[in-house]
PDB file of N, CA and C in Angstrom:
ATOM      1  N   MET A   1     109.228 144.406  84.911  1.00  0.00           N
ATOM      2  CA  MET A   1     109.431 143.887  85.789  1.00  0.00           C
ATOM      3  C   MET A   1     110.190 142.606  85.211  1.00  0.00           C
ATOM      4  N   ARG A   2     111.025 142.086  85.542  1.00  0.00           N
ATOM      5  CA  ARG A   2     111.693 140.893  85.060  1.00  0.00           C
ATOM      6  C   ARG A   2     110.955 139.403  85.345  1.00  0.00           C
ATOM      7  N   LYS A   3     110.672 138.644  84.691  1.00  0.00           N
ATOM      8  CA  LYS A   3     109.995 137.565  85.017  1.00  0.00           C
ATOM      9  C   LYS A   3     111.173 136.405  84.777  1.00  0.00           C
ATOM     10  N   GLU A   4     111.408 135.744  85.475  1.00  0.00           N
ATOM     11  CA  GLU A   4     112.439 134.355  85.886  1.00  0.00           C
ATOM     12  C   GLU A   4     111.448 133.051  84.870  1.00  0.00           C
ATOM     13  N   TYR A   5     112.558 132.430  83.985  1.00  0.00           N
ATOM     14  CA  TYR A   5     111.968 131.418  83.353  1.00  0.00           C
ATOM     15  C   TYR A   5     113.041 129.926  83.456  1.00  0.00           C
ATOM     16  N   ASN A   6     113.960 129.976  83.370  1.00  0.00           N
ATOM     17  CA  ASN A   6     115.276 129.173  83.508  1.00  0.00           C
ATOM     18  C   ASN A   6     114.626 127.710  82.966  1.00  0.00           C
ATOM     19  N   LYS A   7     114.065 127.827  81.886  1.00  0.00           N
ATOM     20  CA  LYS A   7     113.810 126.124  81.198  1.00  0.00           C
ATOM     21  C   LYS A   7     113.874 126.446  79.667  1.00  0.00           C
ATOM     22  N   LEU A   8     114.115 125.285  78.991  1.00  0.00           N
ATOM     23  CA  LEU A   8     114.229 124.955  77.518  1.00  0.00           C
ATOM     24  C   LEU A   8     113.061 125.566  76.885  1.00  0.00           C
ATOM     25  N   VAL A   9     113.606 126.570  75.773  1.00  0.00           N
ATOM     26  CA  VAL A   9     112.338 126.862  75.083  1.00  0.00           C
ATOM     27  C   VAL A   9     112.991 126.563  73.415  1.00  0.00           C
ATOM     28  N   ARG A  10     112.094 126.774  72.495  1.00  0.00           N
ATOM     29  CA  ARG A  10     112.377 126.226  71.236  1.00  0.00           C
ATOM     30  C   ARG A  10     113.173 127.690  70.438  1.00  0.00           C
ATOM     31  N   ASP A  11     114.127 127.492  69.501  1.00  0.00           N
ATOM     32  CA  ASP A  11     114.930 128.201  68.949  1.00  0.00           C
ATOM     33  C   ASP A  11     114.969 129.584  68.683  1.00  0.00           C
ATOM     34  N   HIS A  12     113.655 129.787  68.217  1.00  0.00           N
ATOM     35  CA  HIS A  12     113.094 131.030  67.895  1.00  0.00           C
ATOM     36  C   HIS A  12     112.589 131.840  69.106  1.00  0.00           C
ATOM     37  N   ILE A  13     112.797 131.182  69.900  1.00  0.00           N
ATOM     38  CA  ILE A  13     111.414 132.142  71.355  1.00  0.00           C
ATOM     39  C   ILE A  13     112.372 133.263  71.455  1.00  0.00           C
ATOM     40  N   PRO A  14     113.639 133.527  71.952  1.00  0.00           N
ATOM     41  CA  PRO A  14     114.228 134.708  72.013  1.00  0.00           C
ATOM     42  C   PRO A  14     114.119 135.822  70.861  1.00  0.00           C
ATOM     43  N   ALA A  15     114.277 135.496  69.782  1.00  0.00           N
ATOM     44  CA  ALA A  15     113.957 136.380  68.740  1.00  0.00           C
ATOM     45  C   ALA A  15     112.923 136.854  68.726  1.00  0.00           C
ATOM     46  N   ILE A  16     111.714 136.263  68.962  1.00  0.00           N
ATOM     47  CA  ILE A  16     110.007 136.584  68.912  1.00  0.00           C
ATOM     48  C   ILE A  16     110.446 137.459  70.104  1.00  0.00           C
ATOM     49  N   ILE A  17     110.776 137.193  71.316  1.00  0.00           N
ATOM     50  CA  ILE A  17     110.610 137.856  72.426  1.00  0.00           C
ATOM     51  C   ILE A  17     111.269 139.597  72.082  1.00  0.00           C
ATOM     52  N   ARG A  18     112.384 139.390  71.597  1.00  0.00           N
ATOM     53  CA  ARG A  18     112.845 140.696  71.426  1.00  0.00           C
ATOM     54  C   ARG A  18     111.898 141.638  70.275  1.00  0.00           C
ATOM     55  N   LYS A  19     111.443 141.037  69.131  1.00  0.00           N
ATOM     56  CA  LYS A  19     110.711 141.398  68.181  1.00  0.00           C
ATOM     57  C   LYS A  19     109.496 141.945  68.679  1.00  0.00           C
ATOM     58  N   ASN A  20     109.170 141.403  69.920  1.00  0.00           N
ATOM     59  CA  ASN A  20     107.998 141.945  70.828  1.00  0.00           C
ATOM     60  C   ASN A  20     108.117 143.394  71.669  1.00  0.00           C
ATOM     61  N   GLY A  21     109.467 143.544  71.568  1.00  0.00           N
ATOM     62  CA  GLY A  21     110.249 144.798  72.232  1.00  0.00           C
ATOM     63  C   GLY A  21     110.400 144.608  73.842  1.00  0.00           C
ATOM     64  N   LEU A  22     110.690 143.221  74.120  1.00  0.00           N
ATOM     65  CA  LEU A  22     110.675 142.857  75.457  1.00  0.00           C
ATOM     66  C   LEU A  22     112.671 142.595  75.301  1.00  0.00           C
ATOM     67  N   GLU A  23     113.164 142.895  76.378  1.00  0.00           N
ATOM     68  CA  GLU A  23     114.426 142.291  76.697  1.00  0.00           C
ATOM     69  C   GLU A  23     114.308 141.004  77.082  1.00  0.00           C
ATOM     70  N   CYS A  24     115.484 139.923  76.935  1.00  0.00           N
ATOM     71  CA  CYS A  24     115.669 138.757  77.366  1.00  0.00           C
ATOM     72  C   CYS A  24     116.808 138.201  77.366  1.00  0.00           C
ATOM     73  N   GLN A  25     117.127 136.962  78.300  1.00  0.00           N
ATOM     74  CA  GLN A  25     118.725 136.642  78.168  1.00  0.00           C
ATOM     75  C   GLN A  25     118.564 135.297  77.811  1.00  0.00           C
ATOM     76  N   ALA A  26     119.389 134.511  77.125  1.00  0.00           N
ATOM     77  CA  ALA A  26     119.444 133.085  76.967  1.00  0.00           C
ATOM     78  C   ALA A  26     120.675 132.740  76.768  1.00  0.00           C
ATOM     79  N   VAL A  27     120.925 131.368  77.126  1.00  0.00           N
ATOM     80  CA  VAL A  27     122.442 130.959  76.939  1.00  0.00           C
ATOM     81  C   VAL A  27     122.311 129.228  76.273  1.00  0.00           C
ATOM     82  N   ASN A  28     123.129 128.816  75.926  1.00  0.00           N
ATOM     83  CA  ASN A  28     123.455 127.635  75.021  1.00  0.00           C
ATOM     84  C   ASN A  28     123.466 126.622  76.034  1.00  0.00           C
ATOM     85  N   LEU A  29     122.940 125.686  75.969  1.00  0.00           N
ATOM     86  CA  LEU A  29     123.356 124.460  77.099  1.00  0.00           C
ATOM     87  C   LEU A  29     124.750 123.667  76.586  1.00  0.00           C
ATOM     88  N   SER A  30     124.881 123.065  77.508  1.00  0.00           N
ATOM     89  CA  SER A  30     126.092 122.149  77.485  1.00  0.00           C
ATOM     90  C   SER A  30     125.196 120.708  76.951  1.00  0.00           C
ATOM     91  N   GLU A  31     125.642 119.538  76.243  1.00  0.00           N
ATOM     92  CA  GLU A  31     125.155 118.442  76.091  1.00  0.00           C
ATOM     93  C   GLU A  31     124.087 117.555  77.033  1.00  0.00           C
ATOM     94  N   ILE A  32     125.083 117.851  78.337  1.00  0.00           N
ATOM     95  CA  ILE A  32     124.358 117.382  79.550  1.00  0.00           C
ATOM     96  C   ILE A  32     123.296 117.787  80.109  1.00  0.00           C
ATOM     97  N   GLU A  33     123.643 119.552  80.036  1.00  0.00           N
ATOM     98  CA  GLU A  33     122.204 120.135  80.612  1.00  0.00           C
ATOM     99  C   GLU A  33     121.205 120.426  79.723  1.00  0.00           C
ATOM    100  N   TYR A  34     121.520 119.969  78.260  1.00  0.00           N
ATOM    101  CA  TYR A  34     120.497 120.165  77.569  1.00  0.00           C
ATOM    102  C   TYR A  34     119.607 118.486  77.740  1.00  0.00           C
ATOM    103  N   ARG A  35     120.025 117.532  77.629  1.00  0.00           N
ATOM    104  CA  ARG A  35     119.716 116.407  78.149  1.00  0.00           C
ATOM    105  C   ARG A  35     118.844 116.302  79.178  1.00  0.00           C
ATOM    106  N   GLN A  36     119.111 117.309  80.093  1.00  0.00           N
ATOM    107  CA  GLN A  36     118.522 116.905  81.647  1.00  0.00           C
ATOM    108  C   GLN A  36     117.347 117.949  81.314  1.00  0.00           C
ATOM    109  N   GLU A  37     117.763 118.948  80.655  1.00  0.00           N
ATOM    110  CA  GLU A  37     116.337 120.195  80.583  1.00  0.00           C
ATOM    111  C   GLU A  37     115.448 119.505  79.469  1.00  0.00           C
ATOM    112  N   LEU A  38     115.888 118.724  78.643  1.00  0.00           N
ATOM    113  CA  LEU A  38     114.822 118.171  77.561  1.00  0.00           C
ATOM    114  C   LEU A  38     113.797 116.884  78.594  1.00  0.00           C
ATOM    115  N   ARG A  39     114.537 116.383  79.584  1.00  0.00           N
ATOM    116  CA  ARG A  39     113.739 115.246  80.380  1.00  0.00           C
ATOM    117  C   ARG A  39     112.734 116.256  80.875  1.00  0.00           C
ATOM    118  N   GLN A  40     113.276 117.609  81.646  1.00  0.00           N
ATOM    119  CA  GLN A  40     112.220 118.333  82.251  1.00  0.00           C
ATOM    120  C   GLN A  40     111.141 118.893  81.314  1.00  0.00           C
ATOM    121  N   LYS A  41     111.600 118.742  80.300  1.00  0.00           N
ATOM    122  CA  LYS A  41     110.673 119.575  79.239  1.00  0.00           C
ATOM    123  C   LYS A  41     109.307 118.750  78.737  1.00  0.00           C
ATOM    124  N   LEU A  42     110.239 117.198  78.541  1.00  0.00           N
ATOM    125  CA  LEU A  42     109.259 116.474  78.309  1.00  0.00           C
ATOM    126  C   LEU A  42     107.963 116.057  79.534  1.00  0.00           C
ATOM    127  N   ILE A  43     108.066 116.018  80.907  1.00  0.00           N
ATOM    128  CA  ILE A  43     107.429 116.165  81.795  1.00  0.00           C
ATOM    129  C   ILE A  43     106.490 117.317  81.984  1.00  0.00           C
ATOM    130  N   GLU A  44     106.910 118.394  81.508  1.00  0.00           N
ATOM    131  CA  GLU A  44     106.146 119.836  81.539  1.00  0.00           C
ATOM    132  C   GLU A  44     105.177 119.510  79.992  1.00  0.00           C
ATOM    133  N   GLU A  45     105.619 118.922  78.921  1.00  0.00           N
ATOM    134  CA  GLU A  45     104.833 119.000  77.781  1.00  0.00           C
ATOM    135  C   GLU A  45     103.535 117.887  78.156  1.00  0.00           C
ATOM    136  N   ALA A  46     103.977 116.831  78.885  1.00  0.00           N
ATOM    137  CA  ALA A  46     102.936 115.695  79.142  1.00  0.00           C
ATOM    138  C   ALA A  46     101.940 116.082  80.119  1.00  0.00           C
ATOM    139  N   GLN A  47     102.691 117.055  80.999  1.00  0.00           N
ATOM    140  CA  GLN A  47     101.257 117.470  82.103  1.00  0.00           C
ATOM    141  C   GLN A  47     100.471 118.425  81.473  1.00  0.00           C
ATOM    142  N   GLU A  48     101.192 119.192  80.459  1.00  0.00           N
ATOM    143  CA  GLU A  48     100.130 119.769  79.421  1.00  0.00           C
ATOM    144  C   GLU A  48      99.160 119.262  78.739  1.00  0.00           C
ATOM    145  N   ALA A  49      99.506 118.149  78.105  1.00  0.00           N
ATOM    146  CA  ALA A  49      98.832 117.185  77.273  1.00  0.00           C
ATOM    147  C   ALA A  49      97.540 116.707  78.067  1.00  0.00           C
ATOM    148  N   ALA A  50      98.209 116.142  79.475  1.00  0.00           N
ATOM    149  CA  ALA A  50      97.338 115.477  80.280  1.00  0.00           C
ATOM    150  C   ALA A  50      96.019 116.385  80.804  1.00  0.00           C
ATOM    151  N   THR A  51      96.510 117.647  80.633  1.00  0.00           N
ATOM    152  CA  THR A  51      95.449 118.442  81.004  1.00  0.00           C
ATOM    153  C   THR A  51      94.658 119.458  79.969  1.00  0.00           C
ATOM    154  N   ALA A  52      95.133 118.949  79.080  1.00  0.00           N
ATOM    155  CA  ALA A  52      94.510 119.955  77.771  1.00  0.00           C
ATOM    156  C   ALA A  52      93.041 119.384  77.421  1.00  0.00           C
ATOM    157  N   ASN A  53      92.559 120.303  77.118  1.00  0.00           N
ATOM    158  CA  ASN A  53      90.963 119.987  76.344  1.00  0.00           C
ATOM    159  C   ASN A  53      90.824 119.443  75.046  1.00  0.00           C
ATOM    160  N   ASN A  54      89.528 119.114  74.559  1.00  0.00           N
ATOM    161  CA  ASN A  54      89.918 118.112  73.476  1.00  0.00           C
ATOM    162  C   ASN A  54      90.468 118.754  72.015  1.00  0.00           C
ATOM    163  N   HIS A  55      90.136 120.167  72.244  1.00  0.00           N
ATOM    164  CA  HIS A  55      90.331 120.822  71.071  1.00  0.00           C
ATOM    165  C   HIS A  55      92.069 121.051  70.941  1.00  0.00           C
ATOM    166  N   ASP A  56      92.623 121.308  72.030  1.00  0.00           N
ATOM    167  CA  ASP A  56      93.839 121.418  72.594  1.00  0.00           C
ATOM    168  C   ASP A  56      94.911 120.382  72.529  1.00  0.00           C
ATOM    169  N   LEU A  57      94.194 119.259  72.448  1.00  0.00           N
ATOM    170  CA  LEU A  57      94.975 118.145  72.858  1.00  0.00           C
ATOM    171  C   LEU A  57      95.970 117.854  71.384  1.00  0.00           C
ATOM    172  N   VAL A  58      95.387 118.219  70.282  1.00  0.00           N
ATOM    173  CA  VAL A  58      96.619 117.791  69.453  1.00  0.00           C
ATOM    174  C   VAL A  58      97.745 118.765  69.092  1.00  0.00           C
ATOM    175  N   ILE A  59      97.637 120.024  69.874  1.00  0.00           N
ATOM    176  CA  ILE A  59      98.705 120.800  69.878  1.00  0.00           C
ATOM    177  C   ILE A  59      99.777 120.779  71.120  1.00  0.00           C
ATOM    178  N   GLU A  60      99.040 120.190  71.869  1.00  0.00           N
ATOM    179  CA  GLU A  60     100.015 119.522  73.170  1.00  0.00           C
ATOM    180  C   GLU A  60     100.625 118.419  72.793  1.00  0.00           C
ATOM    181  N   ILE A  61     100.185 117.336  71.928  1.00  0.00           N
ATOM    182  CA  ILE A  61     100.894 116.175  71.769  1.00  0.00           C
ATOM    183  C   ILE A  61     101.679 116.560  70.678  1.00  0.00           C
ATOM    184  N   ALA A  62     101.810 117.451  69.764  1.00  0.00           N
ATOM    185  CA  ALA A  62     102.772 117.875  68.748  1.00  0.00           C
ATOM    186  C   ALA A  62     103.806 118.446  69.534  1.00  0.00           C
ATOM    187  N   ASP A  63     103.568 119.108  70.659  1.00  0.00           N
ATOM    188  CA  ASP A  63     104.681 120.016  71.274  1.00  0.00           C
ATOM    189  C   ASP A  63     105.283 118.757  72.060  1.00  0.00           C
ATOM    190  N   LEU A  64     104.846 117.603  72.685  1.00  0.00           N
ATOM    191  CA  LEU A  64     105.606 116.611  73.414  1.00  0.00           C
ATOM    192  C   LEU A  64     105.958 115.810  72.212  1.00  0.00           C
ATOM    193  N   LEU A  65     105.601 115.613  70.798  1.00  0.00           N
ATOM    194  CA  LEU A  65     106.150 114.828  70.362  1.00  0.00           C
ATOM    195  C   LEU A  65     107.861 115.757  69.725  1.00  0.00           C
ATOM    196  N   GLU A  66     107.675 116.876  69.774  1.00  0.00           N
ATOM    197  CA  GLU A  66     109.042 117.982  69.270  1.00  0.00           C
ATOM    198  C   GLU A  66     110.069 117.410  70.381  1.00  0.00           C
ATOM    199  N   VAL A  67     109.176 117.226  71.478  1.00  0.00           N
ATOM    200  CA  VAL A  67     110.394 117.350  72.441  1.00  0.00           C
ATOM    201  C   VAL A  67     110.894 115.524  72.478  1.00  0.00           C
ATOM    202  N   VAL A  68     110.052 114.676  72.438  1.00  0.00           N
ATOM    203  CA  VAL A  68     110.663 113.291  72.009  1.00  0.00           C
ATOM    204  C   VAL A  68     111.779 113.208  70.906  1.00  0.00           C
ATOM    205  N   ASP A  69     111.155 113.707  69.585  1.00  0.00           N
ATOM    206  CA  ASP A  69     112.392 113.825  68.415  1.00  0.00           C
ATOM    207  C   ASP A  69     113.454 114.419  69.130  1.00  0.00           C
ATOM    208  N   ALA A  70     113.506 115.616  69.817  1.00  0.00           N
ATOM    209  CA  ALA A  70     114.796 115.904  70.404  1.00  0.00           C
ATOM    210  C   ALA A  70     115.620 115.342  71.127  1.00  0.00           C
ATOM    211  N   LEU A  71     114.873 114.652  71.994  1.00  0.00           N
ATOM    212  CA  LEU A  71     115.752 113.338  72.783  1.00  0.00           C
ATOM    213  C   LEU A  71     116.096 112.474  72.069  1.00  0.00           C
ATOM    214  N   LEU A  72     115.434 111.776  71.060  1.00  0.00           N
ATOM    215  CA  LEU A  72     115.830 110.735  70.144  1.00  0.00           C
ATOM    216  C   LEU A  72     117.211 111.243  69.475  1.00  0.00           C
ATOM    217  N   LYS A  73     117.243 112.499  69.147  1.00  0.00           N
ATOM    218  CA  LYS A  73     118.457 112.894  68.017  1.00  0.00           C
ATOM    219  C   LYS A  73     119.608 113.321  69.164  1.00  0.00           C
ATOM    220  N   SER A  74     119.316 113.495  70.206  1.00  0.00           N
ATOM    221  CA  SER A  74     120.636 113.763  71.100  1.00  0.00           C
ATOM    222  C   SER A  74     120.922 112.776  71.688  1.00  0.00           C
ATOM    223  N   TYR A  75     120.507 111.758  71.864  1.00  0.00           N
ATOM    224  CA  TYR A  75     120.907 110.366  72.336  1.00  0.00           C
ATOM    225  C   TYR A  75     121.096 109.446  71.176  1.00  0.00           C
ATOM    226  N   GLY A  76     120.791 109.762  69.826  1.00  0.00           N
ATOM    227  CA  GLY A  76     121.234 109.046  69.038  1.00  0.00           C
ATOM    228  C   GLY A  76     120.185 107.805  68.495  1.00  0.00           C
ATOM    229  N   ILE A  77     119.245 107.767  69.092  1.00  0.00           N
ATOM    230  CA  ILE A  77     118.261 107.008  69.162  1.00  0.00           C
ATOM    231  C   ILE A  77     117.263 107.037  67.819  1.00  0.00           C
ATOM    232  N   SER A  78     117.334 106.096  66.949  1.00  0.00           N
ATOM    233  CA  SER A  78     116.346 105.969  65.959  1.00  0.00           C
ATOM    234  C   SER A  78     115.006 105.426  66.279  1.00  0.00           C
ATOM    235  N   TYR A  79     114.288 106.371  65.156  1.00  0.00           N
ATOM    236  CA  TYR A  79     112.513 105.947  65.443  1.00  0.00           C
ATOM    237  C   TYR A  79     112.759 104.746  65.149  1.00  0.00           C
ATOM    238  N   ASN A  80     113.336 103.445  64.142  1.00  0.00           N
ATOM    239  CA  ASN A  80     113.116 102.090  64.186  1.00  0.00           C
ATOM    240  C   ASN A  80     113.578 101.646  65.653  1.00  0.00           C
ATOM    241  N   GLN A  81     114.300 102.006  66.372  1.00  0.00           N
ATOM    242  CA  GLN A  81     114.759 101.142  67.844  1.00  0.00           C
ATOM    243  C   GLN A  81     113.411 101.284  68.556  1.00  0.00           C
ATOM    244  N   VAL A  82     112.853 102.652  68.585  1.00  0.00           N
ATOM    245  CA  VAL A  82     111.379 102.845  68.956  1.00  0.00           C
ATOM    246  C   VAL A  82     110.495 102.030  68.996  1.00  0.00           C
ATOM    247  N   ARG A  83     110.476 101.953  67.756  1.00  0.00           N
ATOM    248  CA  ARG A  83     109.187 100.859  67.087  1.00  0.00           C
ATOM    249  C   ARG A  83     109.433  99.584  67.344  1.00  0.00           C
ATOM    250  N   LEU A  84     110.531  99.293  67.319  1.00  0.00           N
ATOM    251  CA  LEU A  84     111.073  97.746  67.934  1.00  0.00           C
ATOM    252  C   LEU A  84     110.576  97.230  69.125  1.00  0.00           C
ATOM    253  N   GLU A  85     111.178  98.624  70.199  1.00  0.00           N
ATOM    254  CA  GLU A  85     110.648  98.416  71.989  1.00  0.00           C
ATOM    255  C   GLU A  85     109.282  98.210  71.574  1.00  0.00           C
ATOM    256  N   GLN A  86     108.687  99.235  71.157  1.00  0.00           N
ATOM    257  CA  GLN A  86     107.025  99.273  70.939  1.00  0.00           C
ATOM    258  C   GLN A  86     106.350  97.898  70.705  1.00  0.00           C
ATOM    259  N   ASP A  87     107.041  97.461  69.614  1.00  0.00           N
ATOM    260  CA  ASP A  87     106.345  95.955  69.222  1.00  0.00           C
ATOM    261  C   ASP A  87     106.571  94.958  70.209  1.00  0.00           C
ATOM    262  N   LYS A  88     107.888  94.852  70.683  1.00  0.00           N
ATOM    263  CA  LYS A  88     108.203  93.968  72.046  1.00  0.00           C
ATOM    264  C   LYS A  88     107.316  94.073  72.911  1.00  0.00           C
ATOM    265  N   LYS A  89     107.013  95.240  73.797  1.00  0.00           N
ATOM    266  CA  LYS A  89     105.632  95.424  74.676  1.00  0.00           C
ATOM    267  C   LYS A  89     104.523  95.010  74.486  1.00  0.00           C
ATOM    268  N   ARG A  90     104.138  95.614  73.197  1.00  0.00           N
ATOM    269  CA  ARG A  90     102.955  95.013  72.629  1.00  0.00           C
ATOM    270  C   ARG A  90     102.602  93.599  72.576  1.00  0.00           C
ATOM    271  N   ALA A  91     103.758  92.897  71.856  1.00  0.00           N
ATOM    272  CA  ALA A  91     103.611  91.207  71.921  1.00  0.00           C
ATOM    273  C   ALA A  91     103.531  90.878  73.547  1.00  0.00           C
ATOM    274  N   SER A  92     104.278  91.121  74.423  1.00  0.00           N
ATOM    275  CA  SER A  92     104.537  90.808  75.763  1.00  0.00           C
ATOM    276  C   SER A  92     103.168  91.042  76.582  1.00  0.00           C
ATOM    277  N   LYS A  93     102.898  92.328  76.462  1.00  0.00           N
ATOM    278  CA  LYS A  93     101.965  92.834  77.541  1.00  0.00           C
ATOM    279  C   LYS A  93     100.889  93.534  76.846  1.00  0.00           C
ATOM    280  N   GLY A  94     100.619  93.808  75.864  1.00  0.00           N
ATOM    281  CA  GLY A  94      99.322  94.311  74.830  1.00  0.00           C
ATOM    282  C   GLY A  94      99.721  95.487  74.828  1.00  0.00           C
ATOM    283  N   ASP A  95      98.659  96.301  74.263  1.00  0.00           N
ATOM    284  CA  ASP A  95      98.237  97.636  74.342  1.00  0.00           C
ATOM    285  C   ASP A  95      97.464  98.142  74.906  1.00  0.00           C
ATOM    286  N   PHE A  96      96.720  99.165  74.579  1.00  0.00           N
ATOM    287  CA  PHE A  96      95.397  99.930  75.258  1.00  0.00           C
ATOM    288  C   PHE A  96      94.102  99.775  74.509  1.00  0.00           C
ATOM    289  N   GLU A  97      93.944  98.902  73.558  1.00  0.00           N
ATOM    290  CA  GLU A  97      92.695  98.799  72.670  1.00  0.00           C
ATOM    291  C   GLU A  97      91.596  98.557  73.691  1.00  0.00           C
ATOM    292  N   ASN A  98      91.822  97.856  74.603  1.00  0.00           N
ATOM    293  CA  ASN A  98      90.892  97.078  75.469  1.00  0.00           C
ATOM    294  C   ASN A  98      90.076  98.108  76.533  1.00  0.00           C
ATOM    295  N   GLN A  99      90.936  99.250  76.446  1.00  0.00           N
ATOM    296  CA  GLN A  99      90.719 100.215  77.451  1.00  0.00           C
ATOM    297  C   GLN A  99      90.462  99.832  79.157  1.00  0.00           C
ATOM    298  N   THR A 100      91.518  98.796  79.661  1.00  0.00           N
ATOM    299  CA  THR A 100      91.406  97.989  80.681  1.00  0.00           C
ATOM    300  C   THR A 100      92.237  98.949  81.735  1.00  0.00           C
ATOM    301  N   MET A 101      91.392  99.178  82.796  1.00  0.00           N
ATOM    302  CA  MET A 101      91.883  99.915  84.022  1.00  0.00           C
ATOM    303  C   MET A 101      92.347  98.765  85.153  1.00  0.00           C
ATOM    304  N   LEU A 102      93.314  98.766  85.697  1.00  0.00           N
ATOM    305  CA  LEU A 102      93.678  97.258  87.022  1.00  0.00           C
ATOM    306  C   LEU A 102      93.025  98.348  88.212  1.00  0.00           C
ATOM    307  N   LEU A 103      91.965  98.036  88.822  1.00  0.00           N
ATOM    308  CA  LEU A 103      91.333  98.361  90.056  1.00  0.00           C
ATOM    309  C   LEU A 103      92.267  97.781  91.407  1.00  0.00           C
ATOM    310  N   TRP A 104      92.785  96.558  91.338  1.00  0.00           N
ATOM    311  CA  TRP A 104      93.342  96.103  92.566  1.00  0.00           C
ATOM    312  C   TRP A 104      93.808  94.560  92.219  1.00  0.00           C
ATOM    313  N   THR A 105      95.034  93.957  93.116  1.00  0.00           N
ATOM    314  CA  THR A 105      95.469  92.939  93.432  1.00  0.00           C
ATOM    315  C   THR A 105      95.549  92.456  94.323  1.00  0.00           C
ATOM    316  N   GLU A 106      95.537  91.137  94.905  1.00  0.00           N
ATOM    317  CA  GLU A 106      95.639  90.356  96.169  1.00  0.00           C
ATOM    318  C   GLU A 106      96.369  89.107  95.992  1.00  0.00           C
ATOM    319  N   GLU A 107      97.253  88.883  96.884  1.00  0.00           N
ATOM    320  CA  GLU A 107      97.914  87.693  97.172  1.00  0.00           C
ATOM    321  C   GLU A 107      97.022  86.588  97.294  1.00  0.00           C
ATOM    322  N   ASN A 108      97.049  85.629  96.453  1.00  0.00           N
ATOM    323  CA  ASN A 108      96.596  84.554  96.734  1.00  0.00           C
ATOM    324  C   ASN A 108      96.754  83.443  97.952  1.00  0.00           C
ATOM    325  N   THR A 109      96.080  83.574  98.784  1.00  0.00           N
ATOM    326  CA  THR A 109      96.389  82.914 100.097  1.00  0.00           C
ATOM    327  C   THR A 109      96.068  81.401 100.404  1.00  0.00           C
ATOM    328  N   SER A 110      95.101  80.938  99.428  1.00  0.00           N
ATOM    329  CA  SER A 110      94.545  79.759  99.420  1.00  0.00           C
ATOM    330  C   SER A 110      95.270  78.308  98.975  1.00  0.00           C
ATOM    331  N   LYS A 111      96.787  78.858  98.475  1.00  0.00           N
ATOM    332  CA  LYS A 111      97.536  78.128  97.928  1.00  0.00           C
ATOM    333  C   LYS A 111      98.011  77.201  98.925  1.00  0.00           C
TER     334      LYS A 111
END
């Protein structure tokens, strides 16, 4: 029975599938298609990381970082650029060390 996937996979996956005695079809994407699929993969991996148990979290974060690495390479973005943006945001808005959850806001009508 054929199972449809239509999703971006790691380079060795088709060979692994064939080695396991299954047939498959894979295609190479254009750069535009590849970038779109990387963005979809980013969402997929982030959802898996968000729902992972403590034991599997490191595996899911590694998968997420692999997609981030591919996005950076595809768009020609350096780690240094990302770090600079992180530093700017930390300086202006902080980080997550205080474990702060915003519960609500309200307009101040007493002015």
